[in-house]
Amino acid sequence: MTTTLPAALGLDATQITYAQGIIAACKARNLPADRGERVADIAIETALTQSRLRLYANANNPDPLPLPHDAVARPHGPVATFP
């Protein structure tokens, strides 16, 4: 799998790190190359749509707030790169 991130996405270093983590997780599944690349594409597209590849903490749940996160949201449900 040779999934790369187009520069046109305008991602910063943190977002690229998260995307690389998604790619690594897809590679770890040992899927055939064509399927693994498609799975990584879908996963990154989903994370971009859901959170713009940001890791949000949930302001309604103070317990994880001390953990690393990029921003704080006030949602009604769980919050993460894939909410």
N, C-alpha and C. Protein backbone atom coordinates (compact mmCIF):
# COMPACT_ATOMS: atom_id res chain seq x y z
N MET A 1 0.85 -1.17 0.00
CA MET A 1 0.00 0.00 0.00
C MET A 1 0.89 1.23 0.00
N THR A 2 0.62 2.14 -0.88
CA THR A 2 1.45 3.34 -1.00
C THR A 2 0.61 4.60 -0.87
N THR A 3 -0.37 4.57 0.03
CA THR A 3 -1.24 5.73 0.19
C THR A 3 -0.42 6.94 0.61
N THR A 4 -0.55 8.03 -0.13
CA THR A 4 0.12 9.27 0.21
C THR A 4 -0.93 10.36 0.35
N LEU A 5 -0.57 11.42 1.05
CA LEU A 5 -1.50 12.51 1.29
C LEU A 5 -1.21 13.65 0.34
N PRO A 6 -2.18 14.05 -0.48
CA PRO A 6 -1.94 15.15 -1.41
C PRO A 6 -1.70 16.47 -0.67
N ALA A 7 -0.72 17.22 -1.13
CA ALA A 7 -0.42 18.53 -0.52
C ALA A 7 -1.62 19.46 -0.61
N ALA A 8 -2.48 19.24 -1.59
CA ALA A 8 -3.64 20.11 -1.77
C ALA A 8 -4.61 20.05 -0.59
N LEU A 9 -4.49 19.03 0.27
CA LEU A 9 -5.36 18.94 1.43
C LEU A 9 -5.04 20.03 2.46
N GLY A 10 -3.83 20.57 2.42
CA GLY A 10 -3.45 21.64 3.33
C GLY A 10 -3.41 21.21 4.79
N LEU A 11 -2.96 20.00 5.05
CA LEU A 11 -2.91 19.49 6.42
C LEU A 11 -1.68 20.00 7.15
N ASP A 12 -1.83 20.22 8.45
CA ASP A 12 -0.67 20.59 9.24
C ASP A 12 0.01 19.32 9.76
N ALA A 13 1.10 19.48 10.48
CA ALA A 13 1.89 18.33 10.93
C ALA A 13 1.08 17.38 11.81
N THR A 14 0.24 17.90 12.68
CA THR A 14 -0.56 17.06 13.56
C THR A 14 -1.56 16.24 12.75
N GLN A 15 -2.23 16.88 11.80
CA GLN A 15 -3.19 16.17 10.97
C GLN A 15 -2.51 15.08 10.14
N ILE A 16 -1.33 15.37 9.64
CA ILE A 16 -0.58 14.37 8.87
C ILE A 16 -0.22 13.19 9.77
N THR A 17 0.16 13.47 11.01
CA THR A 17 0.48 12.39 11.95
C THR A 17 -0.74 11.49 12.15
N TYR A 18 -1.91 12.08 12.34
CA TYR A 18 -3.13 11.29 12.52
C TYR A 18 -3.43 10.47 11.26
N ALA A 19 -3.29 11.07 10.10
CA ALA A 19 -3.53 10.35 8.85
C ALA A 19 -2.55 9.20 8.69
N GLN A 20 -1.28 9.43 9.04
CA GLN A 20 -0.29 8.36 8.96
C GLN A 20 -0.64 7.23 9.93
N GLY A 21 -1.20 7.57 11.08
CA GLY A 21 -1.65 6.54 12.02
C GLY A 21 -2.78 5.71 11.44
N ILE A 22 -3.70 6.37 10.74
CA ILE A 22 -4.79 5.65 10.08
C ILE A 22 -4.23 4.72 9.01
N ILE A 23 -3.29 5.21 8.22
CA ILE A 23 -2.67 4.39 7.17
C ILE A 23 -1.96 3.19 7.80
N ALA A 24 -1.23 3.41 8.89
CA ALA A 24 -0.52 2.32 9.57
C ALA A 24 -1.51 1.27 10.08
N ALA A 25 -2.64 1.72 10.63
CA ALA A 25 -3.64 0.77 11.14
C ALA A 25 -4.22 -0.05 9.99
N CYS A 26 -4.43 0.58 8.85
CA CYS A 26 -4.93 -0.15 7.69
C CYS A 26 -3.90 -1.15 7.18
N LYS A 27 -2.64 -0.76 7.15
CA LYS A 27 -1.57 -1.67 6.72
C LYS A 27 -1.47 -2.86 7.65
N ALA A 28 -1.68 -2.64 8.95
CA ALA A 28 -1.56 -3.70 9.94
C ALA A 28 -2.61 -4.80 9.74
N ARG A 29 -3.65 -4.50 9.01
CA ARG A 29 -4.69 -5.49 8.76
C ARG A 29 -4.28 -6.49 7.66
N ASN A 30 -3.16 -6.23 7.00
CA ASN A 30 -2.62 -7.13 5.97
C ASN A 30 -3.64 -7.47 4.88
N LEU A 31 -4.38 -6.48 4.45
CA LEU A 31 -5.33 -6.68 3.35
C LEU A 31 -4.57 -6.67 2.03
N PRO A 32 -5.15 -7.24 0.99
CA PRO A 32 -4.52 -7.12 -0.33
C PRO A 32 -4.31 -5.64 -0.65
N ALA A 33 -3.24 -5.33 -1.36
CA ALA A 33 -2.83 -3.94 -1.58
C ALA A 33 -3.97 -3.05 -2.08
N ASP A 34 -4.73 -3.52 -3.07
CA ASP A 34 -5.78 -2.68 -3.61
C ASP A 34 -6.90 -2.43 -2.59
N ARG A 35 -7.24 -3.43 -1.81
CA ARG A 35 -8.27 -3.25 -0.78
C ARG A 35 -7.76 -2.42 0.38
N GLY A 36 -6.52 -2.66 0.79
CA GLY A 36 -5.96 -1.90 1.90
C GLY A 36 -5.85 -0.42 1.60
N GLU A 37 -5.47 -0.10 0.39
CA GLU A 37 -5.36 1.30 0.00
C GLU A 37 -6.75 1.95 -0.02
N ARG A 38 -7.73 1.23 -0.52
CA ARG A 38 -9.10 1.78 -0.56
C ARG A 38 -9.63 1.97 0.86
N VAL A 39 -9.37 1.03 1.75
CA VAL A 39 -9.80 1.15 3.15
C VAL A 39 -9.15 2.37 3.79
N ALA A 40 -7.86 2.59 3.54
CA ALA A 40 -7.17 3.76 4.09
C ALA A 40 -7.76 5.04 3.53
N ASP A 41 -8.06 5.06 2.23
CA ASP A 41 -8.68 6.25 1.63
C ASP A 41 -10.02 6.57 2.30
N ILE A 42 -10.84 5.56 2.49
CA ILE A 42 -12.15 5.76 3.11
C ILE A 42 -12.00 6.22 4.55
N ALA A 43 -11.07 5.62 5.28
CA ALA A 43 -10.86 5.99 6.69
C ALA A 43 -10.39 7.44 6.81
N ILE A 44 -9.48 7.85 5.96
CA ILE A 44 -8.99 9.24 6.01
C ILE A 44 -10.09 10.21 5.58
N GLU A 45 -10.85 9.85 4.54
CA GLU A 45 -11.96 10.70 4.12
C GLU A 45 -12.97 10.86 5.25
N THR A 46 -13.24 9.78 5.97
CA THR A 46 -14.19 9.83 7.09
C THR A 46 -13.66 10.73 8.19
N ALA A 47 -12.40 10.57 8.55
CA ALA A 47 -11.81 11.41 9.61
C ALA A 47 -11.78 12.88 9.20
N LEU A 48 -11.51 13.15 7.93
CA LEU A 48 -11.53 14.54 7.45
C LEU A 48 -12.93 15.13 7.56
N THR A 49 -13.93 14.33 7.21
CA THR A 49 -15.31 14.81 7.25
C THR A 49 -15.79 14.99 8.69
N GLN A 50 -15.48 14.04 9.54
CA GLN A 50 -16.00 14.06 10.91
C GLN A 50 -15.29 15.07 11.80
N SER A 51 -13.98 15.20 11.64
CA SER A 51 -13.23 16.02 12.61
C SER A 51 -12.14 16.88 11.97
N ARG A 52 -12.05 16.87 10.66
CA ARG A 52 -10.96 17.55 9.95
C ARG A 52 -9.61 17.06 10.47
N LEU A 53 -9.57 15.79 10.83
CA LEU A 53 -8.37 15.13 11.37
C LEU A 53 -7.85 15.88 12.61
N ARG A 54 -8.75 16.18 13.50
CA ARG A 54 -8.40 16.78 14.80
C ARG A 54 -8.88 15.83 15.89
N LEU A 55 -8.18 15.80 16.99
CA LEU A 55 -8.58 14.99 18.13
C LEU A 55 -9.26 15.90 19.14
N TYR A 56 -10.55 15.73 19.28
CA TYR A 56 -11.34 16.58 20.16
C TYR A 56 -11.56 15.92 21.51
N ALA A 57 -11.57 16.73 22.55
CA ALA A 57 -12.00 16.29 23.87
C ALA A 57 -13.45 16.73 24.03
N ASN A 58 -14.20 16.01 24.85
CA ASN A 58 -15.60 16.31 25.07
C ASN A 58 -15.74 17.13 26.35
N ALA A 59 -16.19 18.37 26.22
CA ALA A 59 -16.34 19.25 27.37
C ALA A 59 -17.37 18.72 28.36
N ASN A 60 -18.28 17.88 27.90
CA ASN A 60 -19.31 17.30 28.77
C ASN A 60 -18.79 16.13 29.59
N ASN A 61 -17.58 15.68 29.31
CA ASN A 61 -16.98 14.57 30.04
C ASN A 61 -15.59 15.02 30.50
N PRO A 62 -15.45 15.54 31.71
CA PRO A 62 -14.19 16.12 32.15
C PRO A 62 -13.07 15.11 32.41
N ASP A 63 -13.39 13.84 32.58
CA ASP A 63 -12.36 12.85 32.93
C ASP A 63 -11.21 12.80 31.92
N PRO A 64 -11.47 12.74 30.60
CA PRO A 64 -10.36 12.66 29.65
C PRO A 64 -9.73 14.01 29.29
N LEU A 65 -10.24 15.10 29.81
CA LEU A 65 -9.69 16.42 29.44
C LEU A 65 -8.20 16.54 29.71
N PRO A 66 -7.64 15.91 30.75
CA PRO A 66 -6.19 16.00 30.94
C PRO A 66 -5.37 15.26 29.87
N LEU A 67 -6.02 14.37 29.11
CA LEU A 67 -5.31 13.63 28.06
C LEU A 67 -5.03 14.56 26.87
N PRO A 68 -4.03 14.23 26.05
CA PRO A 68 -3.72 15.08 24.89
C PRO A 68 -4.92 15.19 23.94
N HIS A 69 -5.18 16.40 23.45
CA HIS A 69 -6.22 16.65 22.47
C HIS A 69 -5.91 17.96 21.76
N ASP A 70 -6.56 18.17 20.61
CA ASP A 70 -6.31 19.36 19.81
C ASP A 70 -7.29 20.49 20.11
N ALA A 71 -8.49 20.13 20.52
CA ALA A 71 -9.52 21.12 20.78
C ALA A 71 -10.57 20.52 21.70
N VAL A 72 -11.44 21.36 22.22
CA VAL A 72 -12.52 20.91 23.08
C VAL A 72 -13.84 21.23 22.39
N ALA A 73 -14.71 20.24 22.34
CA ALA A 73 -16.02 20.42 21.72
C ALA A 73 -17.10 20.19 22.78
N ARG A 74 -18.28 20.66 22.48
CA ARG A 74 -19.41 20.48 23.38
C ARG A 74 -20.50 19.67 22.66
N PRO A 75 -20.18 18.41 22.36
CA PRO A 75 -21.14 17.57 21.62
C PRO A 75 -22.13 16.89 22.57
N HIS A 76 -23.01 16.14 21.96
CA HIS A 76 -23.95 15.35 22.73
C HIS A 76 -23.53 13.89 22.79
N GLY A 77 -22.48 13.55 22.06
CA GLY A 77 -22.03 12.16 22.02
C GLY A 77 -20.53 12.07 22.17
N PRO A 78 -19.97 10.90 21.91
CA PRO A 78 -18.53 10.71 22.04
C PRO A 78 -17.76 11.54 21.01
N VAL A 79 -16.54 11.89 21.34
CA VAL A 79 -15.74 12.73 20.46
C VAL A 79 -14.36 12.11 20.31
N ALA A 80 -13.88 12.03 19.09
CA ALA A 80 -12.55 11.52 18.79
C ALA A 80 -12.27 11.85 17.33
N THR A 81 -11.19 11.32 16.79
CA THR A 81 -10.92 11.52 15.38
C THR A 81 -12.05 10.91 14.56
N PHE A 82 -12.56 9.76 15.01
CA PHE A 82 -13.76 9.13 14.44
C PHE A 82 -14.84 9.17 15.50
N PRO A 83 -15.61 10.26 15.57
CA PRO A 83 -16.64 10.34 16.62
C PRO A 83 -17.72 9.30 16.46
